[in-house]
């Protein structure tokens, strides 16, 4: 089987950023499993994303905000499924 088409840069960057919907992510992941060319491009996109995350300045979170978020997460985890 010869791959004739490759994932576009826009879609590949969205995949690396985790912003694609579940179905599109599955299609890209399947393509990456079969296409060495796109796997290399995906590694570059992942590295770029990592570099950007490492280069942004950290913003401190107030203790009250952290407590509020943790409280909300805990209450959602304890609530029964509908």
C-alpha atoms as a PDB file:
ATOM      1  CA  UNK A   1       0.000   0.000   0.000  1.00  0.00           C
ATOM      2  CA  UNK A   2       1.444   3.343  -1.053  1.00  0.00           C
ATOM      3  CA  UNK A   3       0.353   6.524   0.674  1.00  0.00           C
ATOM      4  CA  UNK A   4      -0.439   9.162  -1.928  1.00  0.00           C
ATOM      5  CA  UNK A   5      -1.598  12.016   0.319  1.00  0.00           C
ATOM      6  CA  UNK A   6      -0.223  13.520   3.505  1.00  0.00           C
ATOM      7  CA  UNK A   7      -1.806  15.382   6.393  1.00  0.00           C
ATOM      8  CA  UNK A   8      -1.789  19.166   5.895  1.00  0.00           C
ATOM      9  CA  UNK A   9       0.353  21.332   8.157  1.00  0.00           C
ATOM     10  CA  UNK A  10      -2.738  22.974   9.678  1.00  0.00           C
ATOM     11  CA  UNK A  11      -4.305  19.650  10.619  1.00  0.00           C
ATOM     12  CA  UNK A  12      -1.011  18.267  11.888  1.00  0.00           C
ATOM     13  CA  UNK A  13      -0.461  21.315  14.124  1.00  0.00           C
ATOM     14  CA  UNK A  14      -4.034  21.038  15.430  1.00  0.00           C
ATOM     15  CA  UNK A  15      -3.450  17.352  16.149  1.00  0.00           C
ATOM     16  CA  UNK A  16      -0.247  18.137  18.043  1.00  0.00           C
ATOM     17  CA  UNK A  17      -2.021  20.883  19.995  1.00  0.00           C
ATOM     18  CA  UNK A  18      -4.853  18.502  20.873  1.00  0.00           C
ATOM     19  CA  UNK A  19      -7.522  20.720  19.348  1.00  0.00           C
ATOM     20  CA  UNK A  20      -8.938  18.294  16.771  1.00  0.00           C
ATOM     21  CA  UNK A  21     -12.229  16.548  17.420  1.00  0.00           C
ATOM     22  CA  UNK A  22     -12.067  12.885  18.380  1.00  0.00           C
ATOM     23  CA  UNK A  23     -12.898  11.499  14.919  1.00  0.00           C
ATOM     24  CA  UNK A  24     -10.307  13.671  13.162  1.00  0.00           C
ATOM     25  CA  UNK A  25      -7.698  12.782  15.781  1.00  0.00           C
ATOM     26  CA  UNK A  26      -8.350   9.103  15.151  1.00  0.00           C
ATOM     27  CA  UNK A  27      -7.894   9.575  11.407  1.00  0.00           C
ATOM     28  CA  UNK A  28      -4.633  11.474  11.878  1.00  0.00           C
ATOM     29  CA  UNK A  29      -3.325   8.913  14.397  1.00  0.00           C
ATOM     30  CA  UNK A  30      -4.109   6.111  11.966  1.00  0.00           C
ATOM     31  CA  UNK A  31      -2.357   7.953   9.152  1.00  0.00           C
ATOM     32  CA  UNK A  32       0.675   8.576  11.368  1.00  0.00           C
ATOM     33  CA  UNK A  33       0.871   4.864  12.170  1.00  0.00           C
ATOM     34  CA  UNK A  34       1.267   4.138   8.456  1.00  0.00           C
ATOM     35  CA  UNK A  35       3.231   7.157   7.196  1.00  0.00           C
ATOM     36  CA  UNK A  36       6.859   7.663   8.283  1.00  0.00           C
ATOM     37  CA  UNK A  37       7.007  11.020   6.461  1.00  0.00           C
ATOM     38  CA  UNK A  38       4.153  12.483   8.495  1.00  0.00           C
ATOM     39  CA  UNK A  39       5.473  10.951  11.740  1.00  0.00           C
ATOM     40  CA  UNK A  40       8.659  12.990  11.299  1.00  0.00           C
ATOM     41  CA  UNK A  41       6.597  16.123  10.636  1.00  0.00           C
ATOM     42  CA  UNK A  42       4.453  15.351  13.690  1.00  0.00           C
ATOM     43  CA  UNK A  43       7.577  15.046  15.856  1.00  0.00           C
ATOM     44  CA  UNK A  44       8.627  18.495  14.669  1.00  0.00           C
ATOM     45  CA  UNK A  45       5.187  19.910  15.497  1.00  0.00           C
ATOM     46  CA  UNK A  46       5.317  18.334  18.962  1.00  0.00           C
ATOM     47  CA  UNK A  47       8.810  19.767  19.531  1.00  0.00           C
ATOM     48  CA  UNK A  48       7.639  23.226  18.454  1.00  0.00           C
ATOM     49  CA  UNK A  49       4.706  23.049  20.867  1.00  0.00           C
ATOM     50  CA  UNK A  50       7.005  21.957  23.682  1.00  0.00           C
ATOM     51  CA  UNK A  51       9.391  24.804  22.947  1.00  0.00           C
ATOM     52  CA  UNK A  52       6.543  27.329  22.986  1.00  0.00           C
ATOM     53  CA  UNK A  53       5.248  25.998  26.308  1.00  0.00           C
ATOM     54  CA  UNK A  54       8.725  26.125  27.818  1.00  0.00           C
ATOM     55  CA  UNK A  55       9.301  29.682  26.613  1.00  0.00           C
ATOM     56  CA  UNK A  56       6.190  31.333  28.075  1.00  0.00           C
ATOM     57  CA  UNK A  57       6.443  33.048  31.417  1.00  0.00           C
ATOM     58  CA  UNK A  58       4.722  31.279  34.302  1.00  0.00           C
ATOM     59  CA  UNK A  59       1.823  33.146  35.874  1.00  0.00           C
ATOM     60  CA  UNK A  60       1.248  32.544  39.556  1.00  0.00           C
ATOM     61  CA  UNK A  61      -2.194  31.390  40.622  1.00  0.00           C
ATOM     62  CA  UNK A  62      -3.751  32.837  43.749  1.00  0.00           C
ATOM     63  CA  UNK A  63      -4.363  30.381  46.619  1.00  0.00           C
ATOM     64  CA  UNK A  64      -8.112  31.126  46.527  1.00  0.00           C
ATOM     65  CA  UNK A  65      -8.338  30.315  42.831  1.00  0.00           C
ATOM     66  CA  UNK A  66      -6.460  27.049  43.319  1.00  0.00           C
ATOM     67  CA  UNK A  67      -8.768  26.076  46.203  1.00  0.00           C
ATOM     68  CA  UNK A  68     -11.832  26.982  44.135  1.00  0.00           C
ATOM     69  CA  UNK A  69     -10.728  24.862  41.184  1.00  0.00           C
ATOM     70  CA  UNK A  70      -9.844  21.893  43.393  1.00  0.00           C
ATOM     71  CA  UNK A  71     -13.198  22.156  45.166  1.00  0.00           C
ATOM     72  CA  UNK A  72     -15.041  22.165  41.855  1.00  0.00           C
ATOM     73  CA  UNK A  73     -13.073  19.179  40.548  1.00  0.00           C
ATOM     74  CA  UNK A  74     -13.739  17.225  43.725  1.00  0.00           C
ATOM     75  CA  UNK A  75     -17.472  17.981  43.660  1.00  0.00           C
ATOM     76  CA  UNK A  76     -17.730  16.910  40.013  1.00  0.00           C
ATOM     77  CA  UNK A  77     -15.834  13.701  40.761  1.00  0.00           C
ATOM     78  CA  UNK A  78     -18.220  12.890  43.616  1.00  0.00           C
ATOM     79  CA  UNK A  79     -21.457  13.660  41.721  1.00  0.00           C
ATOM     80  CA  UNK A  80     -23.259  10.667  40.184  1.00  0.00           C
ATOM     81  CA  UNK A  81     -23.456  10.233  36.438  1.00  0.00           C
ATOM     82  CA  UNK A  82     -26.835  11.304  34.936  1.00  0.00           C
END
